[in-house]
């Protein structure tokens, strides 16, 4: 096996572990969002707390927009062509999955809970 193949296998394993971890975090987030946030982060650690409900909703929409933008950009043919022209075609799907995991991690950790 060549060095490039070994790097591809090692990277694939790391991305797989990241995807499994992110999937577990997403399941916890969707099943118990309020208890997860309160137990995980003390109130003073929140990055930017908005009193206004509309600002919380806008911040959450921006996080989802970041996820959509990441998906759209990495799925664009010019990005695929760029990676293939650099000899990184084998890593194309790995970058896509890693980018998705990082965007989901950002949503899970940065979502603003809306007070009822």
PDB file of N, CA and C in Angstrom:
ATOM      1  N   UNK A   1       0.833  -1.180   0.000  1.00  0.00           N
ATOM      2  CA  UNK A   1       0.000   0.000   0.000  1.00  0.00           C
ATOM      3  C   UNK A   1       0.879   1.246   0.000  1.00  0.00           C
ATOM      4  N   UNK A   2       0.417   2.227  -0.723  1.00  0.00           N
ATOM      5  CA  UNK A   2       1.173   3.473  -0.790  1.00  0.00           C
ATOM      6  C   UNK A   2       0.874   4.345   0.437  1.00  0.00           C
ATOM      7  N   UNK A   3       1.673   5.370   0.587  1.00  0.00           N
ATOM      8  CA  UNK A   3       1.495   6.296   1.699  1.00  0.00           C
ATOM      9  C   UNK A   3       0.134   6.984   1.613  1.00  0.00           C
ATOM     10  N   UNK A   4      -0.269   7.342   0.399  1.00  0.00           N
ATOM     11  CA  UNK A   4      -1.558   8.009   0.199  1.00  0.00           C
ATOM     12  C   UNK A   4      -2.714   7.106   0.619  1.00  0.00           C
ATOM     13  N   UNK A   5      -2.617   5.811   0.317  1.00  0.00           N
ATOM     14  CA  UNK A   5      -3.652   4.867   0.726  1.00  0.00           C
ATOM     15  C   UNK A   5      -3.720   4.737   2.244  1.00  0.00           C
ATOM     16  N   UNK A   6      -2.554   4.677   2.894  1.00  0.00           N
ATOM     17  CA  UNK A   6      -2.522   4.593   4.361  1.00  0.00           C
ATOM     18  C   UNK A   6      -3.123   5.839   5.007  1.00  0.00           C
ATOM     19  N   UNK A   7      -2.819   7.006   4.459  1.00  0.00           N
ATOM     20  CA  UNK A   7      -3.385   8.250   4.984  1.00  0.00           C
ATOM     21  C   UNK A   7      -4.892   8.268   4.770  1.00  0.00           C
ATOM     22  N   UNK A   8      -5.339   7.786   3.616  1.00  0.00           N
ATOM     23  CA  UNK A   8      -6.777   7.746   3.332  1.00  0.00           C
ATOM     24  C   UNK A   8      -7.508   6.824   4.307  1.00  0.00           C
ATOM     25  N   UNK A   9      -6.933   5.684   4.609  1.00  0.00           N
ATOM     26  CA  UNK A   9      -7.563   4.743   5.544  1.00  0.00           C
ATOM     27  C   UNK A   9      -7.592   5.330   6.960  1.00  0.00           C
ATOM     28  N   UNK A  10      -6.489   5.908   7.392  1.00  0.00           N
ATOM     29  CA  UNK A  10      -6.425   6.515   8.725  1.00  0.00           C
ATOM     30  C   UNK A  10      -7.412   7.685   8.845  1.00  0.00           C
ATOM     31  N   UNK A  11      -7.470   8.512   7.813  1.00  0.00           N
ATOM     32  CA  UNK A  11      -8.403   9.638   7.812  1.00  0.00           C
ATOM     33  C   UNK A  11      -9.845   9.149   7.808  1.00  0.00           C
ATOM     34  N   UNK A  12     -10.125   8.099   7.045  1.00  0.00           N
ATOM     35  CA  UNK A  12     -11.480   7.546   7.006  1.00  0.00           C
ATOM     36  C   UNK A  12     -11.901   7.027   8.381  1.00  0.00           C
ATOM     37  N   UNK A  13     -10.995   6.386   9.088  1.00  0.00           N
ATOM     38  CA  UNK A  13     -11.315   5.899  10.428  1.00  0.00           C
ATOM     39  C   UNK A  13     -11.580   7.043  11.399  1.00  0.00           C
ATOM     40  N   UNK A  14     -10.766   8.079  11.317  1.00  0.00           N
ATOM     41  CA  UNK A  14     -10.968   9.244  12.190  1.00  0.00           C
ATOM     42  C   UNK A  14     -12.292   9.931  11.897  1.00  0.00           C
ATOM     43  N   UNK A  15     -12.625  10.088  10.620  1.00  0.00           N
ATOM     44  CA  UNK A  15     -13.893  10.723  10.250  1.00  0.00           C
ATOM     45  C   UNK A  15     -15.057   9.841  10.672  1.00  0.00           C
ATOM     46  N   UNK A  16     -14.919   8.537  10.561  1.00  0.00           N
ATOM     47  CA  UNK A  16     -15.979   7.621  10.997  1.00  0.00           C
ATOM     48  C   UNK A  16     -16.229   7.767  12.495  1.00  0.00           C
ATOM     49  N   UNK A  17     -15.166   7.828  13.283  1.00  0.00           N
ATOM     50  CA  UNK A  17     -15.326   8.024  14.731  1.00  0.00           C
ATOM     51  C   UNK A  17     -15.967   9.368  15.043  1.00  0.00           C
ATOM     52  N   UNK A  18     -15.583  10.394  14.311  1.00  0.00           N
ATOM     53  CA  UNK A  18     -16.186  11.717  14.498  1.00  0.00           C
ATOM     54  C   UNK A  18     -17.674  11.685  14.148  1.00  0.00           C
ATOM     55  N   UNK A  19     -18.034  10.977  13.085  1.00  0.00           N
ATOM     56  CA  UNK A  19     -19.446  10.873  12.679  1.00  0.00           C
ATOM     57  C   UNK A  19     -20.261  10.114  13.725  1.00  0.00           C
ATOM     58  N   UNK A  20     -19.704   9.049  14.266  1.00  0.00           N
ATOM     59  CA  UNK A  20     -20.413   8.278  15.294  1.00  0.00           C
ATOM     60  C   UNK A  20     -20.599   9.123  16.548  1.00  0.00           C
ATOM     61  N   UNK A  21     -19.567   9.845  16.954  1.00  0.00           N
ATOM     62  CA  UNK A  21     -19.661  10.724  18.124  1.00  0.00           C
ATOM     63  C   UNK A  21     -20.700  11.819  17.897  1.00  0.00           C
ATOM     64  N   UNK A  22     -20.680  12.425  16.712  1.00  0.00           N
ATOM     65  CA  UNK A  22     -21.632  13.488  16.391  1.00  0.00           C
ATOM     66  C   UNK A  22     -23.054  12.950  16.348  1.00  0.00           C
ATOM     67  N   UNK A  23     -23.241  11.772  15.821  1.00  0.00           N
ATOM     68  CA  UNK A  23     -24.571  11.165  15.789  1.00  0.00           C
ATOM     69  C   UNK A  23     -25.086  10.939  17.202  1.00  0.00           C
ATOM     70  N   UNK A  24     -24.230  10.471  18.103  1.00  0.00           N
ATOM     71  CA  UNK A  24     -24.628  10.298  19.495  1.00  0.00           C
ATOM     72  C   UNK A  24     -24.991  11.622  20.140  1.00  0.00           C
ATOM     73  N   UNK A  25     -24.195  12.662  19.878  1.00  0.00           N
ATOM     74  CA  UNK A  25     -24.510  13.986  20.413  1.00  0.00           C
ATOM     75  C   UNK A  25     -25.825  14.510  19.851  1.00  0.00           C
ATOM     76  N   UNK A  26     -26.070  14.277  18.585  1.00  0.00           N
ATOM     77  CA  UNK A  26     -27.301  14.757  17.959  1.00  0.00           C
ATOM     78  C   UNK A  26     -28.519  14.053  18.537  1.00  0.00           C
ATOM     79  N   UNK A  27     -28.411  12.749  18.785  1.00  0.00           N
ATOM     80  CA  UNK A  27     -29.523  12.011  19.393  1.00  0.00           C
ATOM     81  C   UNK A  27     -29.805  12.554  20.792  1.00  0.00           C
ATOM     82  N   UNK A  28     -28.770  12.783  21.587  1.00  0.00           N
ATOM     83  CA  UNK A  28     -28.960  13.369  22.920  1.00  0.00           C
ATOM     84  C   UNK A  28     -29.565  14.769  22.833  1.00  0.00           C
ATOM     85  N   UNK A  29     -29.081  15.537  21.898  1.00  0.00           N
ATOM     86  CA  UNK A  29     -29.565  16.902  21.725  1.00  0.00           C
ATOM     87  C   UNK A  29     -31.044  16.919  21.358  1.00  0.00           C
ATOM     88  N   UNK A  30     -31.441  16.049  20.442  1.00  0.00           N
ATOM     89  CA  UNK A  30     -32.838  16.031  20.002  1.00  0.00           C
ATOM     90  C   UNK A  30     -33.769  15.417  21.030  1.00  0.00           C
ATOM     91  N   UNK A  31     -33.260  14.520  21.851  1.00  0.00           N
ATOM     92  CA  UNK A  31     -34.134  13.850  22.818  1.00  0.00           C
ATOM     93  C   UNK A  31     -34.277  14.615  24.116  1.00  0.00           C
ATOM     94  N   UNK A  32     -33.256  15.388  24.503  1.00  0.00           N
ATOM     95  CA  UNK A  32     -33.335  16.091  25.788  1.00  0.00           C
ATOM     96  C   UNK A  32     -32.573  17.401  25.715  1.00  0.00           C
ATOM     97  N   UNK A  33     -33.007  18.284  24.852  1.00  0.00           N
ATOM     98  CA  UNK A  33     -32.255  19.512  24.596  1.00  0.00           C
ATOM     99  C   UNK A  33     -32.094  20.378  25.844  1.00  0.00           C
ATOM    100  N   UNK A  34     -33.150  20.632  26.574  1.00  0.00           N
ATOM    101  CA  UNK A  34     -33.039  21.563  27.705  1.00  0.00           C
ATOM    102  C   UNK A  34     -32.216  20.973  28.841  1.00  0.00           C
ATOM    103  N   UNK A  35     -32.415  19.704  29.152  1.00  0.00           N
ATOM    104  CA  UNK A  35     -31.634  19.123  30.243  1.00  0.00           C
ATOM    105  C   UNK A  35     -30.172  18.974  29.846  1.00  0.00           C
ATOM    106  N   UNK A  36     -29.906  18.696  28.584  1.00  0.00           N
ATOM    107  CA  UNK A  36     -28.519  18.573  28.131  1.00  0.00           C
ATOM    108  C   UNK A  36     -27.793  19.909  28.258  1.00  0.00           C
ATOM    109  N   UNK A  37     -28.430  20.982  27.846  1.00  0.00           N
ATOM    110  CA  UNK A  37     -27.799  22.294  27.923  1.00  0.00           C
ATOM    111  C   UNK A  37     -27.551  22.711  29.375  1.00  0.00           C
ATOM    112  N   UNK A  38     -28.526  22.504  30.248  1.00  0.00           N
ATOM    113  CA  UNK A  38     -28.368  22.942  31.620  1.00  0.00           C
ATOM    114  C   UNK A  38     -27.310  22.132  32.356  1.00  0.00           C
ATOM    115  N   UNK A  39     -27.232  20.860  32.107  1.00  0.00           N
ATOM    116  CA  UNK A  39     -26.258  20.022  32.799  1.00  0.00           C
ATOM    117  C   UNK A  39     -24.856  20.188  32.227  1.00  0.00           C
ATOM    118  N   UNK A  40     -24.768  20.522  30.988  1.00  0.00           N
ATOM    119  CA  UNK A  40     -23.471  20.547  30.339  1.00  0.00           C
ATOM    120  C   UNK A  40     -22.753  21.876  30.508  1.00  0.00           C
ATOM    121  N   UNK A  41     -23.492  22.954  30.459  1.00  0.00           N
ATOM    122  CA  UNK A  41     -22.874  24.266  30.525  1.00  0.00           C
ATOM    123  C   UNK A  41     -23.495  25.079  31.657  1.00  0.00           C
ATOM    124  N   UNK A  42     -22.676  25.586  32.565  1.00  0.00           N
ATOM    125  CA  UNK A  42     -23.224  26.518  33.555  1.00  0.00           C
ATOM    126  C   UNK A  42     -23.734  27.771  32.840  1.00  0.00           C
ATOM    127  N   UNK A  43     -24.667  28.500  33.444  1.00  0.00           N
ATOM    128  CA  UNK A  43     -25.267  29.652  32.757  1.00  0.00           C
ATOM    129  C   UNK A  43     -24.266  30.714  32.323  1.00  0.00           C
ATOM    130  N   UNK A  44     -23.144  30.848  33.034  1.00  0.00           N
ATOM    131  CA  UNK A  44     -22.208  31.905  32.680  1.00  0.00           C
ATOM    132  C   UNK A  44     -21.312  31.542  31.504  1.00  0.00           C
ATOM    133  N   UNK A  45     -21.382  30.299  31.012  1.00  0.00           N
ATOM    134  CA  UNK A  45     -20.511  29.882  29.926  1.00  0.00           C
ATOM    135  C   UNK A  45     -21.155  30.103  28.560  1.00  0.00           C
ATOM    136  N   UNK A  46     -22.475  30.311  28.521  1.00  0.00           N
ATOM    137  CA  UNK A  46     -23.141  30.519  27.234  1.00  0.00           C
ATOM    138  C   UNK A  46     -22.491  31.657  26.477  1.00  0.00           C
ATOM    139  N   UNK A  47     -22.267  31.440  25.227  1.00  0.00           N
ATOM    140  CA  UNK A  47     -21.714  32.492  24.388  1.00  0.00           C
ATOM    141  C   UNK A  47     -22.873  33.325  23.860  1.00  0.00           C
ATOM    142  N   UNK A  48     -23.010  34.509  24.394  1.00  0.00           N
ATOM    143  CA  UNK A  48     -24.050  35.411  23.927  1.00  0.00           C
ATOM    144  C   UNK A  48     -25.436  34.921  24.279  1.00  0.00           C
ATOM    145  N   UNK A  49     -26.021  35.472  25.280  1.00  0.00           N
ATOM    146  CA  UNK A  49     -27.386  35.115  25.645  1.00  0.00           C
ATOM    147  C   UNK A  49     -28.293  36.256  25.220  1.00  0.00           C
ATOM    148  N   UNK A  50     -29.293  35.941  24.423  1.00  0.00           N
ATOM    149  CA  UNK A  50     -30.216  36.950  23.940  1.00  0.00           C
ATOM    150  C   UNK A  50     -31.494  36.903  24.752  1.00  0.00           C
ATOM    151  N   UNK A  51     -31.918  38.032  25.252  1.00  0.00           N
ATOM    152  CA  UNK A  51     -33.171  38.111  25.999  1.00  0.00           C
ATOM    153  C   UNK A  51     -34.367  38.050  25.051  1.00  0.00           C
ATOM    154  N   UNK A  52     -34.210  38.583  23.868  1.00  0.00           N
ATOM    155  CA  UNK A  52     -35.304  38.650  22.905  1.00  0.00           C
ATOM    156  C   UNK A  52     -35.460  37.308  22.185  1.00  0.00           C
ATOM    157  N   UNK A  53     -36.676  36.805  22.133  1.00  0.00           N
ATOM    158  CA  UNK A  53     -36.954  35.528  21.483  1.00  0.00           C
ATOM    159  C   UNK A  53     -36.602  35.577  20.003  1.00  0.00           C
ATOM    160  N   UNK A  54     -36.862  36.700  19.349  1.00  0.00           N
ATOM    161  CA  UNK A  54     -36.584  36.806  17.918  1.00  0.00           C
ATOM    162  C   UNK A  54     -35.090  36.709  17.635  1.00  0.00           C
ATOM    163  N   UNK A  55     -34.257  37.242  18.507  1.00  0.00           N
ATOM    164  CA  UNK A  55     -32.811  37.128  18.309  1.00  0.00           C
ATOM    165  C   UNK A  55     -32.336  35.693  18.506  1.00  0.00           C
ATOM    166  N   UNK A  56     -32.956  34.967  19.440  1.00  0.00           N
ATOM    167  CA  UNK A  56     -32.615  33.561  19.623  1.00  0.00           C
ATOM    168  C   UNK A  56     -32.991  32.753  18.379  1.00  0.00           C
ATOM    169  N   UNK A  57     -34.171  33.028  17.851  1.00  0.00           N
ATOM    170  CA  UNK A  57     -34.614  32.328  16.639  1.00  0.00           C
ATOM    171  C   UNK A  57     -33.701  32.681  15.466  1.00  0.00           C
ATOM    172  N   UNK A  58     -33.336  33.950  15.337  1.00  0.00           N
ATOM    173  CA  UNK A  58     -32.443  34.372  14.258  1.00  0.00           C
ATOM    174  C   UNK A  58     -31.072  33.699  14.380  1.00  0.00           C
ATOM    175  N   UNK A  59     -30.545  33.602  15.591  1.00  0.00           N
ATOM    176  CA  UNK A  59     -29.254  32.935  15.793  1.00  0.00           C
ATOM    177  C   UNK A  59     -29.342  31.457  15.408  1.00  0.00           C
ATOM    178  N   UNK A  60     -30.436  30.793  15.766  1.00  0.00           N
ATOM    179  CA  UNK A  60     -30.607  29.386  15.412  1.00  0.00           C
ATOM    180  C   UNK A  60     -30.763  29.209  13.908  1.00  0.00           C
ATOM    181  N   UNK A  61     -31.478  30.123  13.256  1.00  0.00           N
ATOM    182  CA  UNK A  61     -31.620  30.058  11.799  1.00  0.00           C
ATOM    183  C   UNK A  61     -30.266  30.243  11.128  1.00  0.00           C
ATOM    184  N   UNK A  62     -29.439  31.124  11.663  1.00  0.00           N
ATOM    185  CA  UNK A  62     -28.092  31.315  11.111  1.00  0.00           C
ATOM    186  C   UNK A  62     -27.247  30.047  11.255  1.00  0.00           C
ATOM    187  N   UNK A  63     -27.388  29.340  12.373  1.00  0.00           N
ATOM    188  CA  UNK A  63     -26.650  28.082  12.552  1.00  0.00           C
ATOM    189  C   UNK A  63     -27.085  27.037  11.532  1.00  0.00           C
ATOM    190  N   UNK A  64     -28.384  26.939  11.303  1.00  0.00           N
ATOM    191  CA  UNK A  64     -28.883  25.996  10.293  1.00  0.00           C
ATOM    192  C   UNK A  64     -28.454  26.449   8.897  1.00  0.00           C
ATOM    193  N   UNK A  65     -28.434  27.769   8.674  1.00  0.00           N
ATOM    194  CA  UNK A  65     -27.965  28.295   7.395  1.00  0.00           C
ATOM    195  C   UNK A  65     -26.504  27.955   7.144  1.00  0.00           C
ATOM    196  N   UNK A  66     -25.689  27.982   8.203  1.00  0.00           N
ATOM    197  CA  UNK A  66     -24.288  27.576   8.090  1.00  0.00           C
ATOM    198  C   UNK A  66     -24.185  26.113   7.648  1.00  0.00           C
ATOM    199  N   UNK A  67     -25.039  25.263   8.208  1.00  0.00           N
ATOM    200  CA  UNK A  67     -25.048  23.843   7.838  1.00  0.00           C
ATOM    201  C   UNK A  67     -25.443  23.680   6.363  1.00  0.00           C
ATOM    202  N   UNK A  68     -26.460  24.413   5.931  1.00  0.00           N
ATOM    203  CA  UNK A  68     -26.916  24.334   4.537  1.00  0.00           C
ATOM    204  C   UNK A  68     -25.836  24.860   3.594  1.00  0.00           C
ATOM    205  N   UNK A  69     -25.203  25.966   3.968  1.00  0.00           N
ATOM    206  CA  UNK A  69     -24.140  26.535   3.147  1.00  0.00           C
ATOM    207  C   UNK A  69     -22.976  25.559   3.003  1.00  0.00           C
ATOM    208  N   UNK A  70     -22.605  24.921   4.091  1.00  0.00           N
ATOM    209  CA  UNK A  70     -21.518  23.941   4.045  1.00  0.00           C
ATOM    210  C   UNK A  70     -21.874  22.808   3.096  1.00  0.00           C
ATOM    211  N   UNK A  71     -23.100  22.304   3.175  1.00  0.00           N
ATOM    212  CA  UNK A  71     -23.530  21.223   2.288  1.00  0.00           C
ATOM    213  C   UNK A  71     -23.520  21.660   0.829  1.00  0.00           C
ATOM    214  N   UNK A  72     -24.017  22.845   0.583  1.00  0.00           N
ATOM    215  CA  UNK A  72     -24.105  23.329  -0.800  1.00  0.00           C
ATOM    216  C   UNK A  72     -22.731  23.567  -1.404  1.00  0.00           C
ATOM    217  N   UNK A  73     -21.846  24.183  -0.635  1.00  0.00           N
ATOM    218  CA  UNK A  73     -20.513  24.474  -1.168  1.00  0.00           C
ATOM    219  C   UNK A  73     -19.705  23.207  -1.415  1.00  0.00           C
ATOM    220  N   UNK A  74     -19.763  22.270  -0.479  1.00  0.00           N
ATOM    221  CA  UNK A  74     -18.956  21.059  -0.662  1.00  0.00           C
ATOM    222  C   UNK A  74     -19.540  20.128  -1.714  1.00  0.00           C
ATOM    223  N   UNK A  75     -20.782  20.316  -2.077  1.00  0.00           N
ATOM    224  CA  UNK A  75     -21.389  19.472  -3.103  1.00  0.00           C
ATOM    225  C   UNK A  75     -21.295  20.108  -4.487  1.00  0.00           C
ATOM    226  N   UNK A  76     -20.742  21.304  -4.567  1.00  0.00           N
ATOM    227  CA  UNK A  76     -20.652  22.015  -5.841  1.00  0.00           C
ATOM    228  C   UNK A  76     -19.622  21.340  -6.758  1.00  0.00           C
ATOM    229  N   UNK A  77     -19.922  21.240  -8.063  1.00  0.00           N
ATOM    230  CA  UNK A  77     -18.976  20.578  -8.983  1.00  0.00           C
ATOM    231  C   UNK A  77     -17.592  21.220  -9.028  1.00  0.00           C
ATOM    232  N   UNK A  78     -17.510  22.536  -8.827  1.00  0.00           N
ATOM    233  CA  UNK A  78     -16.181  23.174  -8.886  1.00  0.00           C
ATOM    234  C   UNK A  78     -15.299  22.726  -7.719  1.00  0.00           C
ATOM    235  N   UNK A  79     -15.893  22.480  -6.556  1.00  0.00           N
ATOM    236  CA  UNK A  79     -15.114  21.981  -5.414  1.00  0.00           C
ATOM    237  C   UNK A  79     -14.644  20.562  -5.708  1.00  0.00           C
ATOM    238  N   UNK A  80     -15.521  19.749  -6.272  1.00  0.00           N
ATOM    239  CA  UNK A  80     -15.130  18.384  -6.637  1.00  0.00           C
ATOM    240  C   UNK A  80     -14.000  18.400  -7.668  1.00  0.00           C
ATOM    241  N   UNK A  81     -14.121  19.282  -8.657  1.00  0.00           N
ATOM    242  CA  UNK A  81     -13.079  19.383  -9.678  1.00  0.00           C
ATOM    243  C   UNK A  81     -11.758  19.851  -9.064  1.00  0.00           C
ATOM    244  N   UNK A  82     -11.818  20.822  -8.134  1.00  0.00           N
ATOM    245  CA  UNK A  82     -10.616  21.317  -7.469  1.00  0.00           C
ATOM    246  C   UNK A  82      -9.914  20.189  -6.711  1.00  0.00           C
ATOM    247  N   UNK A  83     -10.685  19.400  -5.963  1.00  0.00           N
ATOM    248  CA  UNK A  83     -10.072  18.299  -5.201  1.00  0.00           C
ATOM    249  C   UNK A  83      -9.500  17.234  -6.130  1.00  0.00           C
ATOM    250  N   UNK A  84     -10.221  16.919  -7.207  1.00  0.00           N
ATOM    251  CA  UNK A  84      -9.721  15.920  -8.153  1.00  0.00           C
ATOM    252  C   UNK A  84      -8.466  16.403  -8.875  1.00  0.00           C
ATOM    253  N   UNK A  85      -8.406  17.692  -9.198  1.00  0.00           N
ATOM    254  CA  UNK A  85      -7.232  18.212  -9.896  1.00  0.00           C
ATOM    255  C   UNK A  85      -5.991  18.234  -8.996  1.00  0.00           C
ATOM    256  N   UNK A  86      -6.189  18.276  -7.696  1.00  0.00           N
ATOM    257  CA  UNK A  86      -5.076  18.258  -6.746  1.00  0.00           C
ATOM    258  C   UNK A  86      -4.708  16.840  -6.309  1.00  0.00           C
ATOM    259  N   UNK A  87      -5.403  15.854  -6.851  1.00  0.00           N
ATOM    260  CA  UNK A  87      -5.127  14.469  -6.476  1.00  0.00           C
ATOM    261  C   UNK A  87      -5.768  14.068  -5.167  1.00  0.00           C
ATOM    262  N   UNK A  88      -6.753  14.818  -4.732  1.00  0.00           N
ATOM    263  CA  UNK A  88      -7.425  14.529  -3.464  1.00  0.00           C
ATOM    264  C   UNK A  88      -8.842  14.005  -3.673  1.00  0.00           C
ATOM    265  N   UNK A  89      -9.103  13.437  -4.833  1.00  0.00           N
ATOM    266  CA  UNK A  89     -10.441  12.926  -5.132  1.00  0.00           C
ATOM    267  C   UNK A  89     -10.887  11.846  -4.164  1.00  0.00           C
ATOM    268  N   UNK A  90      -9.928  11.068  -3.662  1.00  0.00           N
ATOM    269  CA  UNK A  90     -10.261  10.002  -2.718  1.00  0.00           C
ATOM    270  C   UNK A  90     -10.720  10.570  -1.377  1.00  0.00           C
ATOM    271  N   UNK A  91     -10.317  11.799  -1.075  1.00  0.00           N
ATOM    272  CA  UNK A  91     -10.686  12.432   0.185  1.00  0.00           C
ATOM    273  C   UNK A  91     -11.955  13.275   0.088  1.00  0.00           C
ATOM    274  N   UNK A  92     -12.518  13.373  -1.103  1.00  0.00           N
ATOM    275  CA  UNK A  92     -13.673  14.256  -1.314  1.00  0.00           C
ATOM    276  C   UNK A  92     -14.816  13.936  -0.366  1.00  0.00           C
ATOM    277  N   UNK A  93     -15.198  12.684  -0.289  1.00  0.00           N
ATOM    278  CA  UNK A  93     -16.315  12.295   0.583  1.00  0.00           C
ATOM    279  C   UNK A  93     -15.939  12.444   2.056  1.00  0.00           C
ATOM    280  N   UNK A  94     -14.676  12.200   2.382  1.00  0.00           N
ATOM    281  CA  UNK A  94     -14.239  12.364   3.769  1.00  0.00           C
ATOM    282  C   UNK A  94     -14.358  13.821   4.211  1.00  0.00           C
ATOM    283  N   UNK A  95     -13.940  14.749   3.343  1.00  0.00           N
ATOM    284  CA  UNK A  95     -14.073  16.167   3.665  1.00  0.00           C
ATOM    285  C   UNK A  95     -15.536  16.560   3.818  1.00  0.00           C
ATOM    286  N   UNK A  96     -16.379  16.002   2.967  1.00  0.00           N
ATOM    287  CA  UNK A  96     -17.810  16.299   3.027  1.00  0.00           C
ATOM    288  C   UNK A  96     -18.405  15.810   4.346  1.00  0.00           C
ATOM    289  N   UNK A  97     -18.083  14.585   4.726  1.00  0.00           N
ATOM    290  CA  UNK A  97     -18.602  14.039   5.987  1.00  0.00           C
ATOM    291  C   UNK A  97     -18.031  14.780   7.192  1.00  0.00           C
ATOM    292  N   UNK A  98     -16.758  15.110   7.162  1.00  0.00           N
ATOM    293  CA  UNK A  98     -16.156  15.847   8.266  1.00  0.00           C
ATOM    294  C   UNK A  98     -16.763  17.245   8.392  1.00  0.00           C
ATOM    295  N   UNK A  99     -16.981  17.900   7.267  1.00  0.00           N
ATOM    296  CA  UNK A  99     -17.618  19.215   7.289  1.00  0.00           C
ATOM    297  C   UNK A  99     -19.036  19.143   7.843  1.00  0.00           C
ATOM    298  N   UNK A 100     -19.765  18.099   7.479  1.00  0.00           N
ATOM    299  CA  UNK A 100     -21.120  17.915   8.012  1.00  0.00           C
ATOM    300  C   UNK A 100     -21.086  17.693   9.511  1.00  0.00           C
ATOM    301  N   UNK A 101     -20.150  16.888   9.976  1.00  0.00           N
ATOM    302  CA  UNK A 101     -20.033  16.630  11.417  1.00  0.00           C
ATOM    303  C   UNK A 101     -19.694  17.911  12.174  1.00  0.00           C
ATOM    304  N   UNK A 102     -18.771  18.681  11.657  1.00  0.00           N
ATOM    305  CA  UNK A 102     -18.388  19.914  12.338  1.00  0.00           C
ATOM    306  C   UNK A 102     -19.539  20.923  12.349  1.00  0.00           C
ATOM    307  N   UNK A 103     -20.300  20.995  11.260  1.00  0.00           N
ATOM    308  CA  UNK A 103     -21.445  21.905  11.221  1.00  0.00           C
ATOM    309  C   UNK A 103     -22.522  21.451  12.207  1.00  0.00           C
ATOM    310  N   UNK A 104     -22.765  20.138  12.303  1.00  0.00           N
ATOM    311  CA  UNK A 104     -23.734  19.629  13.269  1.00  0.00           C
ATOM    312  C   UNK A 104     -23.246  19.854  14.703  1.00  0.00           C
ATOM    313  N   UNK A 105     -21.957  19.683  14.932  1.00  0.00           N
ATOM    314  CA  UNK A 105     -21.406  19.947  16.263  1.00  0.00           C
ATOM    315  C   UNK A 105     -21.643  21.404  16.649  1.00  0.00           C
ATOM    316  N   UNK A 106     -21.478  22.301  15.683  1.00  0.00           N
ATOM    317  CA  UNK A 106     -21.715  23.711  15.945  1.00  0.00           C
ATOM    318  C   UNK A 106     -23.182  23.966  16.288  1.00  0.00           C
ATOM    319  N   UNK A 107     -24.082  23.309  15.588  1.00  0.00           N
ATOM    320  CA  UNK A 107     -25.513  23.460  15.888  1.00  0.00           C
ATOM    321  C   UNK A 107     -25.826  22.933  17.280  1.00  0.00           C
ATOM    322  N   UNK A 108     -25.302  21.765  17.608  1.00  0.00           N
ATOM    323  CA  UNK A 108     -25.601  21.147  18.901  1.00  0.00           C
ATOM    324  C   UNK A 108     -25.059  21.977  20.057  1.00  0.00           C
ATOM    325  N   UNK A 109     -23.855  22.487  19.908  1.00  0.00           N
ATOM    326  CA  UNK A 109     -23.243  23.193  21.033  1.00  0.00           C
ATOM    327  C   UNK A 109     -23.615  24.673  21.108  1.00  0.00           C
ATOM    328  N   UNK A 110     -24.099  25.253  20.014  1.00  0.00           N
ATOM    329  CA  UNK A 110     -24.338  26.696  20.004  1.00  0.00           C
ATOM    330  C   UNK A 110     -25.804  27.092  19.902  1.00  0.00           C
ATOM    331  N   UNK A 111     -26.704  26.154  19.827  1.00  0.00           N
ATOM    332  CA  UNK A 111     -28.112  26.492  19.695  1.00  0.00           C
ATOM    333  C   UNK A 111     -28.597  27.216  20.938  1.00  0.00           C
ATOM    334  N   UNK A 112     -29.338  28.273  20.724  1.00  0.00           N
ATOM    335  CA  UNK A 112     -29.896  29.055  21.829  1.00  0.00           C
ATOM    336  C   UNK A 112     -31.256  28.486  22.208  1.00  0.00           C
ATOM    337  N   UNK A 113     -31.429  28.041  23.451  1.00  0.00           N
ATOM    338  CA  UNK A 113     -32.742  27.540  23.855  1.00  0.00           C
ATOM    339  C   UNK A 113     -33.730  28.692  23.972  1.00  0.00           C
ATOM    340  N   UNK A 114     -34.898  28.501  23.419  1.00  0.00           N
ATOM    341  CA  UNK A 114     -35.938  29.531  23.488  1.00  0.00           C
ATOM    342  C   UNK A 114     -36.726  29.324  24.775  1.00  0.00           C
ATOM    343  N   UNK A 115     -36.784  30.363  25.564  1.00  0.00           N
ATOM    344  CA  UNK A 115     -37.544  30.294  26.808  1.00  0.00           C
ATOM    345  C   UNK A 115     -39.029  30.325  26.507  1.00  0.00           C
ATOM    346  N   UNK A 116     -39.795  29.541  27.240  1.00  0.00           N
ATOM    347  CA  UNK A 116     -41.236  29.522  26.992  1.00  0.00           C
ATOM    348  C   UNK A 116     -41.966  30.461  27.928  1.00  0.00           C
TER     349      UNK A 116
END
